[in-house]
Amino acid sequence: ALALQSALENHVNIPTRVLSAIEMRQIAEP
């Protein structure tokens, strides 16, 4: 998910959010 987020924002400039079912606040929203 983090790899795809980075690709979408860097390659095609689309705002993206990662929401994780397992909480890890430093890298994704719950």
ModelCIF file with pLDDT and N, C-alpha, C, O atoms, coordinates in Angstrom:
data_MODEL
#
_entry.id   MODEL 
#
_entity.id                         1 
_entity.type                       polymer 
_entity.pdbx_number_of_molecules   1 
#
_entity_poly.entity_id                      1 
_entity_poly.type                           'polypeptide(L)' 
_entity_poly.nstd_linkage                   no 
_entity_poly.nstd_monomer                   no 
_entity_poly.pdbx_seq_one_letter_code       ALALQSALENHVNIPTRVLSAIEMRQIAEP 
_entity_poly.pdbx_seq_one_letter_code_can   ALALQSALENHVNIPTRVLSAIEMRQIAEP 
_entity_poly.pdbx_strand_id                 A 
#
loop_
_entity_poly_seq.entity_id 
_entity_poly_seq.num 
_entity_poly_seq.mon_id 
_entity_poly_seq.hetero 
1 1  ALA n 
1 2  LEU n 
1 3  ALA n 
1 4  LEU n 
1 5  GLN n 
1 6  SER n 
1 7  ALA n 
1 8  LEU n 
1 9  GLU n 
1 10 ASN n 
1 11 HIS n 
1 12 VAL n 
1 13 ASN n 
1 14 ILE n 
1 15 PRO n 
1 16 THR n 
1 17 ARG n 
1 18 VAL n 
1 19 LEU n 
1 20 SER n 
1 21 ALA n 
1 22 ILE n 
1 23 GLU n 
1 24 MET n 
1 25 ARG n 
1 26 GLN n 
1 27 ILE n 
1 28 ALA n 
1 29 GLU n 
1 30 PRO n 
#
_struct_asym.id          A 
_struct_asym.entity_id   1 
#
loop_
_ma_qa_metric.id 
_ma_qa_metric.mode 
_ma_qa_metric.name 
_ma_qa_metric.software_group_id 
_ma_qa_metric.type 
1 global pLDDT . pLDDT 
2 local  pLDDT . pLDDT 
#
_ma_qa_metric_global.metric_id      1 
_ma_qa_metric_global.metric_value   97.47 
_ma_qa_metric_global.model_id       1 
_ma_qa_metric_global.ordinal_id     1 
#
loop_
_ma_qa_metric_local.label_asym_id 
_ma_qa_metric_local.label_comp_id 
_ma_qa_metric_local.label_seq_id 
_ma_qa_metric_local.metric_id 
_ma_qa_metric_local.metric_value 
_ma_qa_metric_local.model_id 
_ma_qa_metric_local.ordinal_id 
A ALA 1  2 98.00 1 1  
A LEU 2  2 98.00 1 2  
A ALA 3  2 98.00 1 3  
A LEU 4  2 98.00 1 4  
A GLN 5  2 98.00 1 5  
A SER 6  2 98.00 1 6  
A ALA 7  2 98.00 1 7  
A LEU 8  2 98.00 1 8  
A GLU 9  2 98.00 1 9  
A ASN 10 2 96.00 1 10 
A HIS 11 2 95.00 1 11 
A VAL 12 2 97.00 1 12 
A ASN 13 2 98.00 1 13 
A ILE 14 2 98.00 1 14 
A PRO 15 2 98.00 1 15 
A THR 16 2 98.00 1 16 
A ARG 17 2 98.00 1 17 
A VAL 18 2 98.00 1 18 
A LEU 19 2 98.00 1 19 
A SER 20 2 98.00 1 20 
A ALA 21 2 98.00 1 21 
A ILE 22 2 97.00 1 22 
A GLU 23 2 96.00 1 23 
A MET 24 2 96.00 1 24 
A ARG 25 2 95.00 1 25 
A GLN 26 2 97.00 1 26 
A ILE 27 2 97.00 1 27 
A ALA 28 2 98.00 1 28 
A GLU 29 2 98.00 1 29 
A PRO 30 2 98.00 1 30 
#
loop_
_atom_site.group_PDB 
_atom_site.id 
_atom_site.type_symbol 
_atom_site.label_atom_id 
_atom_site.label_alt_id 
_atom_site.label_comp_id 
_atom_site.label_asym_id 
_atom_site.label_entity_id 
_atom_site.label_seq_id 
_atom_site.pdbx_PDB_ins_code 
_atom_site.Cartn_x 
_atom_site.Cartn_y 
_atom_site.Cartn_z 
_atom_site.occupancy 
_atom_site.B_iso_or_equiv 
_atom_site.pdbx_formal_charge 
_atom_site.auth_seq_id 
_atom_site.auth_comp_id 
_atom_site.auth_asym_id 
_atom_site.auth_atom_id 
_atom_site.pdbx_PDB_model_num 
ATOM 1   N N  . ALA A 1 1  ? 0.832  -1.212 0.000   1.00 98.00 ? 1  ALA A N  1 
ATOM 2   C CA . ALA A 1 1  ? 0.000  0.000  0.000   1.00 98.00 ? 1  ALA A CA 1 
ATOM 3   C C  . ALA A 1 1  ? 0.864  1.258  0.000   1.00 98.00 ? 1  ALA A C  1 
ATOM 4   O O  . ALA A 1 1  ? 0.574  2.212  -0.722  1.00 98.00 ? 1  ALA A O  1 
ATOM 5   N N  . LEU A 1 2  ? 1.916  1.262  0.801   1.00 98.00 ? 2  LEU A N  1 
ATOM 6   C CA . LEU A 1 2  ? 2.816  2.415  0.851   1.00 98.00 ? 2  LEU A CA 1 
ATOM 7   C C  . LEU A 1 2  ? 3.547  2.603  -0.477  1.00 98.00 ? 2  LEU A C  1 
ATOM 8   O O  . LEU A 1 2  ? 3.762  3.730  -0.925  1.00 98.00 ? 2  LEU A O  1 
ATOM 9   N N  . ALA A 1 3  ? 3.924  1.486  -1.102  1.00 98.00 ? 3  ALA A N  1 
ATOM 10  C CA . ALA A 1 3  ? 4.601  1.555  -2.406  1.00 98.00 ? 3  ALA A CA 1 
ATOM 11  C C  . ALA A 1 3  ? 3.671  2.150  -3.458  1.00 98.00 ? 3  ALA A C  1 
ATOM 12  O O  . ALA A 1 3  ? 4.088  2.985  -4.260  1.00 98.00 ? 3  ALA A O  1 
ATOM 13  N N  . LEU A 1 4  ? 2.397  1.714  -3.453  1.00 98.00 ? 4  LEU A N  1 
ATOM 14  C CA . LEU A 1 4  ? 1.434  2.229  -4.428  1.00 98.00 ? 4  LEU A CA 1 
ATOM 15  C C  . LEU A 1 4  ? 1.117  3.696  -4.152  1.00 98.00 ? 4  LEU A C  1 
ATOM 16  O O  . LEU A 1 4  ? 0.989  4.491  -5.084  1.00 98.00 ? 4  LEU A O  1 
ATOM 17  N N  . GLN A 1 5  ? 0.992  4.056  -2.878  1.00 98.00 ? 5  GLN A N  1 
ATOM 18  C CA . GLN A 1 5  ? 0.748  5.462  -2.530  1.00 98.00 ? 5  GLN A CA 1 
ATOM 19  C C  . GLN A 1 5  ? 1.859  6.350  -3.087  1.00 98.00 ? 5  GLN A C  1 
ATOM 20  O O  . GLN A 1 5  ? 1.595  7.385  -3.699  1.00 98.00 ? 5  GLN A O  1 
ATOM 21  N N  . SER A 1 6  ? 3.086  5.937  -2.869  1.00 98.00 ? 6  SER A N  1 
ATOM 22  C CA . SER A 1 6  ? 4.232  6.713  -3.348  1.00 98.00 ? 6  SER A CA 1 
ATOM 23  C C  . SER A 1 6  ? 4.221  6.825  -4.870  1.00 98.00 ? 6  SER A C  1 
ATOM 24  O O  . SER A 1 6  ? 4.496  7.891  -5.421  1.00 98.00 ? 6  SER A O  1 
ATOM 25  N N  . ALA A 1 7  ? 3.899  5.714  -5.552  1.00 98.00 ? 7  ALA A N  1 
ATOM 26  C CA . ALA A 1 7  ? 3.870  5.705  -7.019  1.00 98.00 ? 7  ALA A CA 1 
ATOM 27  C C  . ALA A 1 7  ? 2.782  6.637  -7.552  1.00 98.00 ? 7  ALA A C  1 
ATOM 28  O O  . ALA A 1 7  ? 3.020  7.387  -8.499  1.00 98.00 ? 7  ALA A O  1 
ATOM 29  N N  . LEU A 1 8  ? 1.596  6.595  -6.956  1.00 98.00 ? 8  LEU A N  1 
ATOM 30  C CA . LEU A 1 8  ? 0.490  7.438  -7.410  1.00 98.00 ? 8  LEU A CA 1 
ATOM 31  C C  . LEU A 1 8  ? 0.804  8.919  -7.213  1.00 98.00 ? 8  LEU A C  1 
ATOM 32  O O  . LEU A 1 8  ? 0.468  9.748  -8.059  1.00 98.00 ? 8  LEU A O  1 
ATOM 33  N N  . GLU A 1 9  ? 1.444  9.245  -6.104  1.00 98.00 ? 9  GLU A N  1 
ATOM 34  C CA . GLU A 1 9  ? 1.736  10.650 -5.827  1.00 98.00 ? 9  GLU A CA 1 
ATOM 35  C C  . GLU A 1 9  ? 2.934  11.153 -6.627  1.00 98.00 ? 9  GLU A C  1 
ATOM 36  O O  . GLU A 1 9  ? 2.962  12.314 -7.036  1.00 98.00 ? 9  GLU A O  1 
ATOM 37  N N  . ASN A 1 10 ? 3.925  10.287 -6.852  1.00 96.00 ? 10 ASN A N  1 
ATOM 38  C CA . ASN A 1 10 ? 5.143  10.724 -7.549  1.00 96.00 ? 10 ASN A CA 1 
ATOM 39  C C  . ASN A 1 10 ? 5.055  10.606 -9.070  1.00 96.00 ? 10 ASN A C  1 
ATOM 40  O O  . ASN A 1 10 ? 5.564  11.465 -9.790  1.00 96.00 ? 10 ASN A O  1 
ATOM 41  N N  . HIS A 1 11 ? 4.401  9.532  -9.565  1.00 95.00 ? 11 HIS A N  1 
ATOM 42  C CA . HIS A 1 11 ? 4.328  9.325  -11.012 1.00 95.00 ? 11 HIS A CA 1 
ATOM 43  C C  . HIS A 1 11 ? 3.202  10.108 -11.676 1.00 95.00 ? 11 HIS A C  1 
ATOM 44  O O  . HIS A 1 11 ? 3.374  10.650 -12.767 1.00 95.00 ? 11 HIS A O  1 
ATOM 45  N N  . VAL A 1 12 ? 2.030  10.167 -11.003 1.00 97.00 ? 12 VAL A N  1 
ATOM 46  C CA . VAL A 1 12 ? 0.867  10.767 -11.667 1.00 97.00 ? 12 VAL A CA 1 
ATOM 47  C C  . VAL A 1 12 ? 0.214  11.892 -10.853 1.00 97.00 ? 12 VAL A C  1 
ATOM 48  O O  . VAL A 1 12 ? -0.823 12.429 -11.241 1.00 97.00 ? 12 VAL A O  1 
ATOM 49  N N  . ASN A 1 13 ? 0.834  12.237 -9.727  1.00 98.00 ? 13 ASN A N  1 
ATOM 50  C CA . ASN A 1 13 ? 0.421  13.407 -8.949  1.00 98.00 ? 13 ASN A CA 1 
ATOM 51  C C  . ASN A 1 13 ? -1.039 13.349 -8.483  1.00 98.00 ? 13 ASN A C  1 
ATOM 52  O O  . ASN A 1 13 ? -1.779 14.325 -8.607  1.00 98.00 ? 13 ASN A O  1 
ATOM 53  N N  . ILE A 1 14 ? -1.441 12.185 -7.945  1.00 98.00 ? 14 ILE A N  1 
ATOM 54  C CA . ILE A 1 14 ? -2.806 12.026 -7.427  1.00 98.00 ? 14 ILE A CA 1 
ATOM 55  C C  . ILE A 1 14 ? -2.746 11.924 -5.906  1.00 98.00 ? 14 ILE A C  1 
ATOM 56  O O  . ILE A 1 14 ? -1.997 11.101 -5.381  1.00 98.00 ? 14 ILE A O  1 
ATOM 57  N N  . PRO A 1 15 ? -3.523 12.747 -5.180  1.00 98.00 ? 15 PRO A N  1 
ATOM 58  C CA . PRO A 1 15 ? -3.525 12.668 -3.711  1.00 98.00 ? 15 PRO A CA 1 
ATOM 59  C C  . PRO A 1 15 ? -4.072 11.324 -3.230  1.00 98.00 ? 15 PRO A C  1 
ATOM 60  O O  . PRO A 1 15 ? -5.102 10.853 -3.714  1.00 98.00 ? 15 PRO A O  1 
ATOM 61  N N  . THR A 1 16 ? -3.382 10.723 -2.289  1.00 98.00 ? 16 THR A N  1 
ATOM 62  C CA . THR A 1 16 ? -3.694 9.353  -1.863  1.00 98.00 ? 16 THR A CA 1 
ATOM 63  C C  . THR A 1 16 ? -3.601 9.231  -0.343  1.00 98.00 ? 16 THR A C  1 
ATOM 64  O O  . THR A 1 16 ? -2.767 9.880  0.289   1.00 98.00 ? 16 THR A O  1 
ATOM 65  N N  . ARG A 1 17 ? -4.455 8.403  0.230   1.00 98.00 ? 17 ARG A N  1 
ATOM 66  C CA . ARG A 1 17 ? -4.380 8.116  1.663   1.00 98.00 ? 17 ARG A CA 1 
ATOM 67  C C  . ARG A 1 17 ? -4.373 6.603  1.879   1.00 98.00 ? 17 ARG A C  1 
ATOM 68  O O  . ARG A 1 17 ? -5.129 5.870  1.241   1.00 98.00 ? 17 ARG A O  1 
ATOM 69  N N  . VAL A 1 18 ? -3.516 6.151  2.780   1.00 98.00 ? 18 VAL A N  1 
ATOM 70  C CA . VAL A 1 18 ? -3.508 4.741  3.181   1.00 98.00 ? 18 VAL A CA 1 
ATOM 71  C C  . VAL A 1 18 ? -4.222 4.630  4.517   1.00 98.00 ? 18 VAL A C  1 
ATOM 72  O O  . VAL A 1 18 ? -3.869 5.313  5.479   1.00 98.00 ? 18 VAL A O  1 
ATOM 73  N N  . LEU A 1 19 ? -5.233 3.763  4.571   1.00 98.00 ? 19 LEU A N  1 
ATOM 74  C CA . LEU A 1 19 ? -5.960 3.485  5.812   1.00 98.00 ? 19 LEU A CA 1 
ATOM 75  C C  . LEU A 1 19 ? -5.733 2.019  6.177   1.00 98.00 ? 19 LEU A C  1 
ATOM 76  O O  . LEU A 1 19 ? -6.050 1.119  5.399   1.00 98.00 ? 19 LEU A O  1 
ATOM 77  N N  . SER A 1 20 ? -5.189 1.796  7.352   1.00 98.00 ? 20 SER A N  1 
ATOM 78  C CA . SER A 1 20 ? -4.836 0.428  7.739   1.00 98.00 ? 20 SER A CA 1 
ATOM 79  C C  . SER A 1 20 ? -5.784 -0.121 8.801   1.00 98.00 ? 20 SER A C  1 
ATOM 80  O O  . SER A 1 20 ? -6.141 0.576  9.751   1.00 98.00 ? 20 SER A O  1 
ATOM 81  N N  . ALA A 1 21 ? -6.183 -1.376 8.625   1.00 98.00 ? 21 ALA A N  1 
ATOM 82  C CA . ALA A 1 21 ? -7.037 -2.050 9.610   1.00 98.00 ? 21 ALA A CA 1 
ATOM 83  C C  . ALA A 1 21 ? -6.236 -2.413 10.855  1.00 98.00 ? 21 ALA A C  1 
ATOM 84  O O  . ALA A 1 21 ? -6.801 -2.628 11.928  1.00 98.00 ? 21 ALA A O  1 
ATOM 85  N N  . ILE A 1 22 ? -4.911 -2.479 10.700  1.00 97.00 ? 22 ILE A N  1 
ATOM 86  C CA . ILE A 1 22 ? -4.024 -2.663 11.847  1.00 97.00 ? 22 ILE A CA 1 
ATOM 87  C C  . ILE A 1 22 ? -3.397 -1.303 12.131  1.00 97.00 ? 22 ILE A C  1 
ATOM 88  O O  . ILE A 1 22 ? -2.764 -0.713 11.256  1.00 97.00 ? 22 ILE A O  1 
ATOM 89  N N  . GLU A 1 23 ? -3.569 -0.815 13.334  1.00 96.00 ? 23 GLU A N  1 
ATOM 90  C CA . GLU A 1 23 ? -3.140 0.554  13.612  1.00 96.00 ? 23 GLU A CA 1 
ATOM 91  C C  . GLU A 1 23 ? -1.617 0.689  13.617  1.00 96.00 ? 23 GLU A C  1 
ATOM 92  O O  . GLU A 1 23 ? -0.920 -0.038 14.324  1.00 96.00 ? 23 GLU A O  1 
ATOM 93  N N  . MET A 1 24 ? -1.117 1.623  12.822  1.00 96.00 ? 24 MET A N  1 
ATOM 94  C CA . MET A 1 24 ? 0.298  1.992  12.816  1.00 96.00 ? 24 MET A CA 1 
ATOM 95  C C  . MET A 1 24 ? 0.382  3.453  12.402  1.00 96.00 ? 24 MET A C  1 
ATOM 96  O O  . MET A 1 24 ? 0.654  3.773  11.245  1.00 96.00 ? 24 MET A O  1 
ATOM 97  N N  . ARG A 1 25 ? 0.148  4.314  13.347  1.00 95.00 ? 25 ARG A N  1 
ATOM 98  C CA . ARG A 1 25 ? -0.114 5.731  13.095  1.00 95.00 ? 25 ARG A CA 1 
ATOM 99  C C  . ARG A 1 25 ? 1.025  6.481  12.402  1.00 95.00 ? 25 ARG A C  1 
ATOM 100 O O  . ARG A 1 25 ? 0.790  7.491  11.738  1.00 95.00 ? 25 ARG A O  1 
ATOM 101 N N  . GLN A 1 26 ? 2.252  5.993  12.554  1.00 97.00 ? 26 GLN A N  1 
ATOM 102 C CA . GLN A 1 26 ? 3.377  6.717  11.942  1.00 97.00 ? 26 GLN A CA 1 
ATOM 103 C C  . GLN A 1 26 ? 3.348  6.653  10.419  1.00 97.00 ? 26 GLN A C  1 
ATOM 104 O O  . GLN A 1 26 ? 3.899  7.527  9.751   1.00 97.00 ? 26 GLN A O  1 
ATOM 105 N N  . ILE A 1 27 ? 2.705  5.614  9.864   1.00 97.00 ? 27 ILE A N  1 
ATOM 106 C CA . ILE A 1 27 ? 2.766  5.432  8.412   1.00 97.00 ? 27 ILE A CA 1 
ATOM 107 C C  . ILE A 1 27 ? 1.405  5.389  7.716   1.00 97.00 ? 27 ILE A C  1 
ATOM 108 O O  . ILE A 1 27 ? 1.331  5.532  6.495   1.00 97.00 ? 27 ILE A O  1 
ATOM 109 N N  . ALA A 1 28 ? 0.339  5.197  8.474   1.00 98.00 ? 28 ALA A N  1 
ATOM 110 C CA . ALA A 1 28 ? -0.991 5.107  7.851   1.00 98.00 ? 28 ALA A CA 1 
ATOM 111 C C  . ALA A 1 28 ? -2.061 5.562  8.834   1.00 98.00 ? 28 ALA A C  1 
ATOM 112 O O  . ALA A 1 28 ? -1.885 5.468  10.049  1.00 98.00 ? 28 ALA A O  1 
ATOM 113 N N  . GLU A 1 29 ? -3.163 6.052  8.297   1.00 98.00 ? 29 GLU A N  1 
ATOM 114 C CA . GLU A 1 29 ? -4.297 6.404  9.150   1.00 98.00 ? 29 GLU A CA 1 
ATOM 115 C C  . GLU A 1 29 ? -5.017 5.126  9.577   1.00 98.00 ? 29 GLU A C  1 
ATOM 116 O O  . GLU A 1 29 ? -5.044 4.154  8.822   1.00 98.00 ? 29 GLU A O  1 
ATOM 117 N N  . PRO A 1 30 ? -5.597 5.113  10.770  1.00 98.00 ? 30 PRO A N  1 
ATOM 118 C CA . PRO A 1 30 ? -6.404 3.942  11.143  1.00 98.00 ? 30 PRO A CA 1 
ATOM 119 C C  . PRO A 1 30 ? -7.659 3.886  10.279  1.00 98.00 ? 30 PRO A C  1 
ATOM 120 O O  . PRO A 1 30 ? -8.474 2.977  10.432  1.00 98.00 ? 30 PRO A O  1 
#
